[in-house]
PDB file of N, CA and C in Angstrom:
ATOM      1  N   MET A   1     141.482 163.353  98.978  1.00  0.00           N
ATOM      2  CA  MET A   1     141.766 163.988 100.242  1.00  0.00           C
ATOM      3  C   MET A   1     142.494 165.301  99.969  1.00  0.00           C
ATOM      4  N   ARG A   2     142.029 166.306 100.631  1.00  0.00           N
ATOM      5  CA  ARG A   2     142.609 167.631 100.441  1.00  0.00           C
ATOM      6  C   ARG A   2     143.550 168.004 101.581  1.00  0.00           C
ATOM      7  N   LEU A   3     143.250 167.575 102.792  1.00  0.00           N
ATOM      8  CA  LEU A   3     144.022 168.011 103.954  1.00  0.00           C
ATOM      9  C   LEU A   3     144.875 166.908 104.570  1.00  0.00           C
ATOM     10  N   LEU A   4     144.372 165.681 104.582  1.00  0.00           N
ATOM     11  CA  LEU A   4     145.141 164.584 105.164  1.00  0.00           C
ATOM     12  C   LEU A   4     146.230 164.135 104.200  1.00  0.00           C
ATOM     13  N   THR A   5     147.418 163.897 104.738  1.00  0.00           N
ATOM     14  CA  THR A   5     148.500 163.313 103.956  1.00  0.00           C
ATOM     15  C   THR A   5     148.746 161.910 104.493  1.00  0.00           C
ATOM     16  N   PHE A   6     149.117 160.999 103.621  1.00  0.00           N
ATOM     17  CA  PHE A   6     149.241 159.591 103.967  1.00  0.00           C
ATOM     18  C   PHE A   6     150.681 159.120 103.865  1.00  0.00           C
ATOM     19  N   ASP A   7     151.035 158.193 104.762  1.00  0.00           N
ATOM     20  CA  ASP A   7     152.360 157.588 104.750  1.00  0.00           C
ATOM     21  C   ASP A   7     152.197 156.107 105.069  1.00  0.00           C
ATOM     22  N   LEU A   8     152.894 155.253 104.333  1.00  0.00           N
ATOM     23  CA  LEU A   8     152.849 153.812 104.544  1.00  0.00           C
ATOM     24  C   LEU A   8     154.217 153.342 104.995  1.00  0.00           C
ATOM     25  N   THR A   9     154.249 152.573 106.078  1.00  0.00           N
ATOM     26  CA  THR A   9     155.506 151.970 106.515  1.00  0.00           C
ATOM     27  C   THR A   9     155.305 150.476 106.645  1.00  0.00           C
ATOM     28  N   ASP A  10     156.356 149.750 106.345  1.00  0.00           N
ATOM     29  CA  ASP A  10     156.343 148.298 106.379  1.00  0.00           C
ATOM     30  C   ASP A  10     157.082 147.841 107.625  1.00  0.00           C
ATOM     31  N   SER A  11     156.769 146.638 108.077  1.00  0.00           N
ATOM     32  CA  SER A  11     157.501 146.073 109.205  1.00  0.00           C
ATOM     33  C   SER A  11     157.848 144.626 108.888  1.00  0.00           C
ATOM     34  N   SER A  12     158.680 144.051 109.710  1.00  0.00           N
ATOM     35  CA  SER A  12     159.136 142.696 109.459  1.00  0.00           C
ATOM     36  C   SER A  12     158.092 141.647 109.850  1.00  0.00           C
ATOM     37  N   ASP A  13     157.014 142.047 110.525  1.00  0.00           N
ATOM     38  CA  ASP A  13     156.018 141.078 110.985  1.00  0.00           C
ATOM     39  C   ASP A  13     154.764 141.043 110.115  1.00  0.00           C
ATOM     40  N   ASP A  14     154.854 141.519 108.877  1.00  0.00           N
ATOM     41  CA  ASP A  14     153.741 141.516 107.917  1.00  0.00           C
ATOM     42  C   ASP A  14     152.573 142.394 108.329  1.00  0.00           C
ATOM     43  N   ILE A  15     152.798 143.304 109.264  1.00  0.00           N
ATOM     44  CA  ILE A  15     151.775 144.284 109.632  1.00  0.00           C
ATOM     45  C   ILE A  15     152.257 145.635 109.125  1.00  0.00           C
ATOM     46  N   LEU A  16     151.436 146.258 108.300  1.00  0.00           N
ATOM     47  CA  LEU A  16     151.773 147.557 107.727  1.00  0.00           C
ATOM     48  C   LEU A  16     151.145 148.645 108.579  1.00  0.00           C
ATOM     49  N   THR A  17     151.742 149.830 108.532  1.00  0.00           N
ATOM     50  CA  THR A  17     151.184 150.986 109.224  1.00  0.00           C
ATOM     51  C   THR A  17     150.880 152.053 108.186  1.00  0.00           C
ATOM     52  N   LEU A  18     149.632 152.469 108.161  1.00  0.00           N
ATOM     53  CA  LEU A  18     149.192 153.578 107.319  1.00  0.00           C
ATOM     54  C   LEU A  18     148.852 154.723 108.251  1.00  0.00           C
ATOM     55  N   GLU A  19     149.483 155.872 108.018  1.00  0.00           N
ATOM     56  CA  GLU A  19     149.217 157.023 108.871  1.00  0.00           C
ATOM     57  C   GLU A  19     148.733 158.176 108.019  1.00  0.00           C
ATOM     58  N   ALA A  20     147.611 158.730 108.409  1.00  0.00           N
ATOM     59  CA  ALA A  20     147.070 159.929 107.771  1.00  0.00           C
ATOM     60  C   ALA A  20     147.160 161.051 108.795  1.00  0.00           C
ATOM     61  N   MET A  21     147.680 162.195 108.373  1.00  0.00           N
ATOM     62  CA  MET A  21     147.890 163.281 109.323  1.00  0.00           C
ATOM     63  C   MET A  21     147.589 164.629 108.669  1.00  0.00           C
ATOM     64  N   ALA A  22     147.077 165.533 109.497  1.00  0.00           N
ATOM     65  CA  ALA A  22     146.872 166.916 109.075  1.00  0.00           C
ATOM     66  C   ALA A  22     147.054 167.811 110.289  1.00  0.00           C
ATOM     67  N   SER A  23     147.713 168.922 110.085  1.00  0.00           N
ATOM     68  CA  SER A  23     147.851 169.942 111.119  1.00  0.00           C
ATOM     69  C   SER A  23     147.316 171.235 110.525  1.00  0.00           C
ATOM     70  N   THR A  24     146.219 171.706 111.103  1.00  0.00           N
ATOM     71  CA  THR A  24     145.544 172.875 110.545  1.00  0.00           C
ATOM     72  C   THR A  24     145.139 173.826 111.658  1.00  0.00           C
ATOM     73  N   ARG A  25     144.692 174.976 111.261  1.00  0.00           N
ATOM     74  CA  ARG A  25     144.080 175.915 112.198  1.00  0.00           C
ATOM     75  C   ARG A  25     142.702 175.391 112.582  1.00  0.00           C
ATOM     76  N   GLU A  26     142.191 175.859 113.679  1.00  0.00           N
ATOM     77  CA  GLU A  26     140.884 175.432 114.193  1.00  0.00           C
ATOM     78  C   GLU A  26     139.788 175.559 113.136  1.00  0.00           C
ATOM     79  N   ALA A  27     139.862 176.593 112.308  1.00  0.00           N
ATOM     80  CA  ALA A  27     138.828 176.836 111.301  1.00  0.00           C
ATOM     81  C   ALA A  27     138.705 175.689 110.297  1.00  0.00           C
ATOM     82  N   GLU A  28     139.789 174.949 110.060  1.00  0.00           N
ATOM     83  CA  GLU A  28     139.754 173.841 109.108  1.00  0.00           C
ATOM     84  C   GLU A  28     139.596 172.480 109.778  1.00  0.00           C
ATOM     85  N   HIS A  29     139.509 172.469 111.112  1.00  0.00           N
ATOM     86  CA  HIS A  29     139.450 171.200 111.835  1.00  0.00           C
ATOM     87  C   HIS A  29     138.248 170.347 111.422  1.00  0.00           C
ATOM     88  N   ALA A  30     137.101 170.941 111.250  1.00  0.00           N
ATOM     89  CA  ALA A  30     135.907 170.182 110.851  1.00  0.00           C
ATOM     90  C   ALA A  30     136.127 169.495 109.504  1.00  0.00           C
ATOM     91  N   ALA A  31     136.798 170.159 108.580  1.00  0.00           N
ATOM     92  CA  ALA A  31     137.064 169.568 107.268  1.00  0.00           C
ATOM     93  C   ALA A  31     138.019 168.385 107.387  1.00  0.00           C
ATOM     94  N   VAL A  32     139.011 168.498 108.260  1.00  0.00           N
ATOM     95  CA  VAL A  32     139.931 167.380 108.486  1.00  0.00           C
ATOM     96  C   VAL A  32     139.173 166.191 109.070  1.00  0.00           C
ATOM     97  N   MET A  33     138.326 166.450 110.054  1.00  0.00           N
ATOM     98  CA  MET A  33     137.574 165.368 110.673  1.00  0.00           C
ATOM     99  C   MET A  33     136.622 164.719 109.668  1.00  0.00           C
ATOM    100  N   ALA A  34     136.073 165.496 108.749  1.00  0.00           N
ATOM    101  CA  ALA A  34     135.212 164.931 107.707  1.00  0.00           C
ATOM    102  C   ALA A  34     136.009 163.984 106.811  1.00  0.00           C
ATOM    103  N   GLU A  35     137.250 164.354 106.483  1.00  0.00           N
ATOM    104  CA  GLU A  35     138.100 163.472 105.691  1.00  0.00           C
ATOM    105  C   GLU A  35     138.418 162.194 106.467  1.00  0.00           C
ATOM    106  N   ALA A  36     138.747 162.324 107.747  1.00  0.00           N
ATOM    107  CA  ALA A  36     139.035 161.148 108.573  1.00  0.00           C
ATOM    108  C   ALA A  36     137.814 160.232 108.632  1.00  0.00           C
ATOM    109  N   GLU A  37     136.629 160.807 108.800  1.00  0.00           N
ATOM    110  CA  GLU A  37     135.411 160.012 108.841  1.00  0.00           C
ATOM    111  C   GLU A  37     135.147 159.324 107.503  1.00  0.00           C
ATOM    112  N   GLN A  38     135.502 159.983 106.413  1.00  0.00           N
ATOM    113  CA  GLN A  38     135.342 159.376 105.090  1.00  0.00           C
ATOM    114  C   GLN A  38     136.231 158.142 104.963  1.00  0.00           C
ATOM    115  N   VAL A  39     137.465 158.240 105.430  1.00  0.00           N
ATOM    116  CA  VAL A  39     138.391 157.112 105.377  1.00  0.00           C
ATOM    117  C   VAL A  39     137.878 155.970 106.260  1.00  0.00           C
ATOM    118  N   LEU A  40     137.430 156.296 107.462  1.00  0.00           N
ATOM    119  CA  LEU A  40     136.909 155.269 108.362  1.00  0.00           C
ATOM    120  C   LEU A  40     135.643 154.614 107.800  1.00  0.00           C
ATOM    121  N   ALA A  41     134.791 155.397 107.171  1.00  0.00           N
ATOM    122  CA  ALA A  41     133.574 154.845 106.559  1.00  0.00           C
ATOM    123  C   ALA A  41     133.935 153.875 105.440  1.00  0.00           C
ATOM    124  N   TRP A  42     134.943 154.226 104.651  1.00  0.00           N
ATOM    125  CA  TRP A  42     135.412 153.318 103.603  1.00  0.00           C
ATOM    126  C   TRP A  42     135.915 152.013 104.226  1.00  0.00           C
ATOM    127  N   ALA A  43     136.746 152.110 105.264  1.00  0.00           N
ATOM    128  CA  ALA A  43     137.295 150.920 105.912  1.00  0.00           C
ATOM    129  C   ALA A  43     136.180 150.025 106.441  1.00  0.00           C
ATOM    130  N   GLN A  44     135.176 150.634 107.057  1.00  0.00           N
ATOM    131  CA  GLN A  44     134.046 149.859 107.572  1.00  0.00           C
ATOM    132  C   GLN A  44     133.259 149.198 106.439  1.00  0.00           C
ATOM    133  N   ALA A  45     133.062 149.928 105.351  1.00  0.00           N
ATOM    134  CA  ALA A  45     132.291 149.391 104.227  1.00  0.00           C
ATOM    135  C   ALA A  45     133.025 148.243 103.534  1.00  0.00           C
ATOM    136  N   GLU A  46     134.323 148.390 103.368  1.00  0.00           N
ATOM    137  CA  GLU A  46     135.113 147.401 102.628  1.00  0.00           C
ATOM    138  C   GLU A  46     135.586 146.236 103.489  1.00  0.00           C
ATOM    139  N   PHE A  47     135.897 146.492 104.764  1.00  0.00           N
ATOM    140  CA  PHE A  47     136.505 145.490 105.630  1.00  0.00           C
ATOM    141  C   PHE A  47     135.856 145.475 107.013  1.00  0.00           C
ATOM    142  N   GLY A  48     134.590 145.839 107.095  1.00  0.00           N
ATOM    143  CA  GLY A  48     133.912 146.031 108.369  1.00  0.00           C
ATOM    144  C   GLY A  48     133.920 144.848 109.301  1.00  0.00           C
ATOM    145  N   GLY A  49     133.747 143.660 108.803  1.00  0.00           N
ATOM    146  CA  GLY A  49     133.730 142.486 109.654  1.00  0.00           C
ATOM    147  C   GLY A  49     135.108 141.988 110.018  1.00  0.00           C
ATOM    148  N   ARG A  50     136.121 142.716 109.583  1.00  0.00           N
ATOM    149  CA  ARG A  50     137.496 142.250 109.772  1.00  0.00           C
ATOM    150  C   ARG A  50     138.341 143.253 110.539  1.00  0.00           C
ATOM    151  N   GLN A  51     137.702 144.064 111.394  1.00  0.00           N
ATOM    152  CA  GLN A  51     138.434 145.039 112.198  1.00  0.00           C
ATOM    153  C   GLN A  51     138.834 144.408 113.525  1.00  0.00           C
ATOM    154  N   GLY A  52     140.072 144.661 113.911  1.00  0.00           N
ATOM    155  CA  GLY A  52     140.609 144.162 115.170  1.00  0.00           C
ATOM    156  C   GLY A  52     142.104 143.989 115.031  1.00  0.00           C
ATOM    157  N   PRO A  53     142.752 143.459 116.039  1.00  0.00           N
ATOM    158  CA  PRO A  53     144.207 143.310 115.979  1.00  0.00           C
ATOM    159  C   PRO A  53     144.653 142.506 114.752  1.00  0.00           C
ATOM    160  N   VAL A  54     145.521 143.100 113.948  1.00  0.00           N
ATOM    161  CA  VAL A  54     145.989 142.456 112.730  1.00  0.00           C
ATOM    162  C   VAL A  54     146.797 141.210 113.073  1.00  0.00           C
ATOM    163  N   GLU A  55     147.530 141.250 114.180  1.00  0.00           N
ATOM    164  CA  GLU A  55     148.325 140.082 114.576  1.00  0.00           C
ATOM    165  C   GLU A  55     147.441 138.881 114.924  1.00  0.00           C
ATOM    166  N   ASP A  56     146.137 139.115 115.123  1.00  0.00           N
ATOM    167  CA  ASP A  56     145.185 138.032 115.380  1.00  0.00           C
ATOM    168  C   ASP A  56     144.445 137.601 114.116  1.00  0.00           C
ATOM    169  N   GLY A  57     144.891 138.087 112.947  1.00  0.00           N
ATOM    170  CA  GLY A  57     144.301 137.683 111.680  1.00  0.00           C
ATOM    171  C   GLY A  57     143.284 138.631 111.098  1.00  0.00           C
ATOM    172  N   ASN A  58     143.057 139.764 111.740  1.00  0.00           N
ATOM    173  CA  ASN A  58     142.128 140.754 111.191  1.00  0.00           C
ATOM    174  C   ASN A  58     142.812 141.571 110.101  1.00  0.00           C
ATOM    175  N   ALA A  59     142.017 142.296 109.326  1.00  0.00           N
ATOM    176  CA  ALA A  59     142.556 143.077 108.205  1.00  0.00           C
ATOM    177  C   ALA A  59     143.053 144.453 108.631  1.00  0.00           C
ATOM    178  N   TRP A  60     142.430 145.016 109.690  1.00  0.00           N
ATOM    179  CA  TRP A  60     142.806 146.385 110.060  1.00  0.00           C
ATOM    180  C   TRP A  60     142.331 146.721 111.465  1.00  0.00           C
ATOM    181  N   ASP A  61     142.989 147.719 112.010  1.00  0.00           N
ATOM    182  CA  ASP A  61     142.586 148.347 113.257  1.00  0.00           C
ATOM    183  C   ASP A  61     143.037 149.802 113.158  1.00  0.00           C
ATOM    184  N   HIS A  62     142.526 150.659 114.013  1.00  0.00           N
ATOM    185  CA  HIS A  62     142.906 152.067 113.886  1.00  0.00           C
ATOM    186  C   HIS A  62     142.935 152.766 115.238  1.00  0.00           C
ATOM    187  N   GLU A  63     143.585 153.927 115.208  1.00  0.00           N
ATOM    188  CA  GLU A  63     143.602 154.849 116.345  1.00  0.00           C
ATOM    189  C   GLU A  63     143.476 156.256 115.773  1.00  0.00           C
ATOM    190  N   LEU A  64     142.620 157.059 116.373  1.00  0.00           N
ATOM    191  CA  LEU A  64     142.424 158.445 115.953  1.00  0.00           C
ATOM    192  C   LEU A  64     142.808 159.351 117.104  1.00  0.00           C
ATOM    193  N   LEU A  65     143.779 160.219 116.860  1.00  0.00           N
ATOM    194  CA  LEU A  65     144.243 161.170 117.864  1.00  0.00           C
ATOM    195  C   LEU A  65     143.995 162.591 117.388  1.00  0.00           C
ATOM    196  N   VAL A  66     143.495 163.427 118.291  1.00  0.00           N
ATOM    197  CA  VAL A  66     143.311 164.852 118.019  1.00  0.00           C
ATOM    198  C   VAL A  66     144.057 165.605 119.106  1.00  0.00           C
ATOM    199  N   GLN A  67     145.020 166.426 118.685  1.00  0.00           N
ATOM    200  CA  GLN A  67     145.814 167.198 119.636  1.00  0.00           C
ATOM    201  C   GLN A  67     145.664 168.685 119.338  1.00  0.00           C
ATOM    202  N   ARG A  68     145.273 169.422 120.341  1.00  0.00           N
ATOM    203  CA  ARG A  68     145.185 170.877 120.217  1.00  0.00           C
ATOM    204  C   ARG A  68     146.502 171.458 120.707  1.00  0.00           C
ATOM    205  N   GLU A  69     147.070 172.325 119.898  1.00  0.00           N
ATOM    206  CA  GLU A  69     148.388 172.876 120.190  1.00  0.00           C
ATOM    207  C   GLU A  69     148.314 174.384 120.345  1.00  0.00           C
ATOM    208  N   GLU A  70     149.387 174.929 120.846  1.00  0.00           N
ATOM    209  CA  GLU A  70     149.457 176.382 121.012  1.00  0.00           C
ATOM    210  C   GLU A  70     149.334 177.078 119.672  1.00  0.00           C
ATOM    211  N   GLY A  71     148.822 178.273 119.718  1.00  0.00           N
ATOM    212  CA  GLY A  71     148.704 179.062 118.501  1.00  0.00           C
ATOM    213  C   GLY A  71     147.480 178.726 117.667  1.00  0.00           C
ATOM    214  N   GLY A  72     146.559 177.923 118.205  1.00  0.00           N
ATOM    215  CA  GLY A  72     145.335 177.604 117.477  1.00  0.00           C
ATOM    216  C   GLY A  72     145.460 176.478 116.477  1.00  0.00           C
ATOM    217  N   TRP A  73     146.537 175.700 116.537  1.00  0.00           N
ATOM    218  CA  TRP A  73     146.722 174.583 115.624  1.00  0.00           C
ATOM    219  C   TRP A  73     146.093 173.327 116.204  1.00  0.00           C
ATOM    220  N   VAL A  74     145.561 172.491 115.309  1.00  0.00           N
ATOM    221  CA  VAL A  74     145.005 171.197 115.698  1.00  0.00           C
ATOM    222  C   VAL A  74     145.633 170.144 114.790  1.00  0.00           C
ATOM    223  N   THR A  75     146.210 169.102 115.403  1.00  0.00           N
ATOM    224  CA  THR A  75     146.802 168.007 114.641  1.00  0.00           C
ATOM    225  C   THR A  75     145.930 166.773 114.804  1.00  0.00           C
ATOM    226  N   VAL A  76     145.550 166.204 113.668  1.00  0.00           N
ATOM    227  CA  VAL A  76     144.763 164.979 113.640  1.00  0.00           C
ATOM    228  C   VAL A  76     145.634 163.890 113.027  1.00  0.00           C
ATOM    229  N   THR A  77     145.721 162.762 113.731  1.00  0.00           N
ATOM    230  CA  THR A  77     146.476 161.619 113.233  1.00  0.00           C
ATOM    231  C   THR A  77     145.574 160.396 113.262  1.00  0.00           C
ATOM    232  N   LEU A  78     145.380 159.790 112.103  1.00  0.00           N
ATOM    233  CA  LEU A  78     144.607 158.565 111.966  1.00  0.00           C
ATOM    234  C   LEU A  78     145.586 157.476 111.551  1.00  0.00           C
ATOM    235  N   THR A  79     145.816 156.514 112.441  1.00  0.00           N
ATOM    236  CA  THR A  79     146.804 155.465 112.204  1.00  0.00           C
ATOM    237  C   THR A  79     146.097 154.122 112.074  1.00  0.00           C
ATOM    238  N   PHE A  80     146.405 153.420 110.988  1.00  0.00           N
ATOM    239  CA  PHE A  80     145.882 152.086 110.760  1.00  0.00           C
ATOM    240  C   PHE A  80     146.996 151.067 110.898  1.00  0.00           C
ATOM    241  N   SER A  81     146.740 149.988 111.605  1.00  0.00           N
ATOM    242  CA  SER A  81     147.519 148.762 111.494  1.00  0.00           C
ATOM    243  C   SER A  81     146.800 147.978 110.420  1.00  0.00           C
ATOM    244  N   ALA A  82     147.545 147.442 109.450  1.00  0.00           N
ATOM    245  CA  ALA A  82     146.860 146.891 108.285  1.00  0.00           C
ATOM    246  C   ALA A  82     147.535 145.643 107.744  1.00  0.00           C
ATOM    247  N   SER A  83     146.701 144.771 107.211  1.00  0.00           N
ATOM    248  CA  SER A  83     147.205 143.634 106.435  1.00  0.00           C
ATOM    249  C   SER A  83     147.613 144.162 105.064  1.00  0.00           C
ATOM    250  N   ALA A  84     148.343 143.353 104.319  1.00  0.00           N
ATOM    251  CA  ALA A  84     148.732 143.751 102.963  1.00  0.00           C
ATOM    252  C   ALA A  84     147.499 143.980 102.095  1.00  0.00           C
ATOM    253  N   GLU A  85     146.478 143.150 102.251  1.00  0.00           N
ATOM    254  CA  GLU A  85     145.244 143.290 101.469  1.00  0.00           C
ATOM    255  C   GLU A  85     144.575 144.640 101.745  1.00  0.00           C
ATOM    256  N   PHE A  86     144.468 145.008 103.012  1.00  0.00           N
ATOM    257  CA  PHE A  86     143.868 146.289 103.376  1.00  0.00           C
ATOM    258  C   PHE A  86     144.702 147.439 102.822  1.00  0.00           C
ATOM    259  N   ALA A  87     146.019 147.368 102.993  1.00  0.00           N
ATOM    260  CA  ALA A  87     146.901 148.448 102.538  1.00  0.00           C
ATOM    261  C   ALA A  87     146.801 148.645 101.027  1.00  0.00           C
ATOM    262  N   GLU A  88     146.744 147.550 100.280  1.00  0.00           N
ATOM    263  CA  GLU A  88     146.623 147.661  98.821  1.00  0.00           C
ATOM    264  C   GLU A  88     145.301 148.317  98.431  1.00  0.00           C
ATOM    265  N   ALA A  89     144.224 147.906  99.058  1.00  0.00           N
ATOM    266  CA  ALA A  89     142.913 148.492  98.757  1.00  0.00           C
ATOM    267  C   ALA A  89     142.868 149.960  99.169  1.00  0.00           C
ATOM    268  N   PHE A  90     143.463 150.263 100.311  1.00  0.00           N
ATOM    269  CA  PHE A  90     143.526 151.635 100.801  1.00  0.00           C
ATOM    270  C   PHE A  90     144.260 152.528  99.803  1.00  0.00           C
ATOM    271  N   GLN A  91     145.419 152.063  99.368  1.00  0.00           N
ATOM    272  CA  GLN A  91     146.206 152.859  98.417  1.00  0.00           C
ATOM    273  C   GLN A  91     145.487 153.007  97.085  1.00  0.00           C
ATOM    274  N   ALA A  92     144.810 151.966  96.635  1.00  0.00           N
ATOM    275  CA  ALA A  92     144.067 152.057  95.379  1.00  0.00           C
ATOM    276  C   ALA A  92     142.960 153.098  95.487  1.00  0.00           C
ATOM    277  N   ARG A  93     142.364 153.209  96.663  1.00  0.00           N
ATOM    278  CA  ARG A  93     141.256 154.146  96.860  1.00  0.00           C
ATOM    279  C   ARG A  93     141.713 155.579  97.134  1.00  0.00           C
ATOM    280  N   PHE A  94     142.789 155.733  97.924  1.00  0.00           N
ATOM    281  CA  PHE A  94     143.141 157.064  98.410  1.00  0.00           C
ATOM    282  C   PHE A  94     144.460 157.628  97.892  1.00  0.00           C
ATOM    283  N   ALA A  95     145.254 156.853  97.184  1.00  0.00           N
ATOM    284  CA  ALA A  95     146.526 157.372  96.678  1.00  0.00           C
ATOM    285  C   ALA A  95     146.274 158.437  95.620  1.00  0.00           C
ATOM    286  N   GLU A  96     147.110 159.439  95.648  1.00  0.00           N
ATOM    287  CA  GLU A  96     146.995 160.491  94.628  1.00  0.00           C
ATOM    288  C   GLU A  96     147.543 159.953  93.321  1.00  0.00           C
ATOM    289  N   PRO A  97     146.894 160.271  92.207  1.00  0.00           N
ATOM    290  CA  PRO A  97     147.396 159.808  90.916  1.00  0.00           C
ATOM    291  C   PRO A  97     148.765 160.400  90.622  1.00  0.00           C
ATOM    292  N   ASP A  98     149.584 159.605  89.915  1.00  0.00           N
ATOM    293  CA  ASP A  98     150.910 160.093  89.530  1.00  0.00           C
ATOM    294  C   ASP A  98     150.758 161.240  88.545  1.00  0.00           C
ATOM    295  N   GLU A  99     151.625 162.232  88.716  1.00  0.00           N
ATOM    296  CA  GLU A  99     151.611 163.372  87.797  1.00  0.00           C
ATOM    297  C   GLU A  99     152.648 163.108  86.709  1.00  0.00           C
ATOM    298  N   ASP A 100     152.270 163.362  85.478  1.00  0.00           N
ATOM    299  CA  ASP A 100     153.210 163.161  84.358  1.00  0.00           C
ATOM    300  C   ASP A 100     153.937 164.446  84.055  1.00  0.00           C
TER     301      ASP A 100
END
């Protein structure tokens, strides 16, 4: 991922939150959406039959928000509610390698 940045937060109810976000100018918006679609395609391919409320036993669910702001900025936020299994697979696939 070149434009989306990822953040993982834990909660006391065993549901993790993975948030991917990018704020760019309109000219880069299509590239951000392509990255978001790539992440969603991965989730569907790996856990497609297990999408829905995590509190009901599913592996993941998501929300995609696009906000247009003053000055020509567009913020895209892709938020996943995730099981530990989904979060681990997500991080293995999309985490940036450690720099030595």
